[in-house]
Amino acid sequence: MNKKGIKYIPYRGDKFRDDRMFVFNIVEGKLEEHSQEGIKIRKGFWVLYYRNNLDLTLCDKKFFKTKSAAENSVRFNEPLIPLISNFEEPYPIFKGEDGWELWNEWLNFRGLHSAISGYQNFPLDVTPEGGSFTIGNSYMDIYLQRHQIN
């Protein structure tokens, strides 16, 4: 804990919010695609992948047409998040047949939330708790085809 009362785990030169090295958000959003044919705006859902540090650094993102497809991606990937306490590896029990249920039990025991629950992780300057069920979130990205970048 630092002077401001923010709890964190110091690890490899970074300050992590909890044992998970990464967290996900599922957000409604748009993908704007620019091509020779014009601009196409697709509505859907983003799975945003963040380093679970105090700054909540965006590491990756993937666009899905439906919320259920985004949730399926999170169900598969979230239990495989590396954990500081397990030498940057996921616990093997989360890889098994009951992995999703065991993952959720592990989260609940620690007072943490899956992206599927609707919880949105935010930087601490947005909410001191680091996330919220009630603050809305959206995301838009722009994709340019290679020949359009000059």
Foldseek 3Di string as FASTA:
>chain_A
DDPVPQDFDDDPNFTANAFFQKAWAKAWEWEWEQDPVGIDIATFIKIWIFGRTLQRHTDDMDTDNYPVVVVVVQLQCVQQGFTVVVVRGRDPVLNDPCNSVVVVVVQVVVVHDHNVVQWDADRCVVPVVRIDNPDHDYDYYYHYPPVVPD
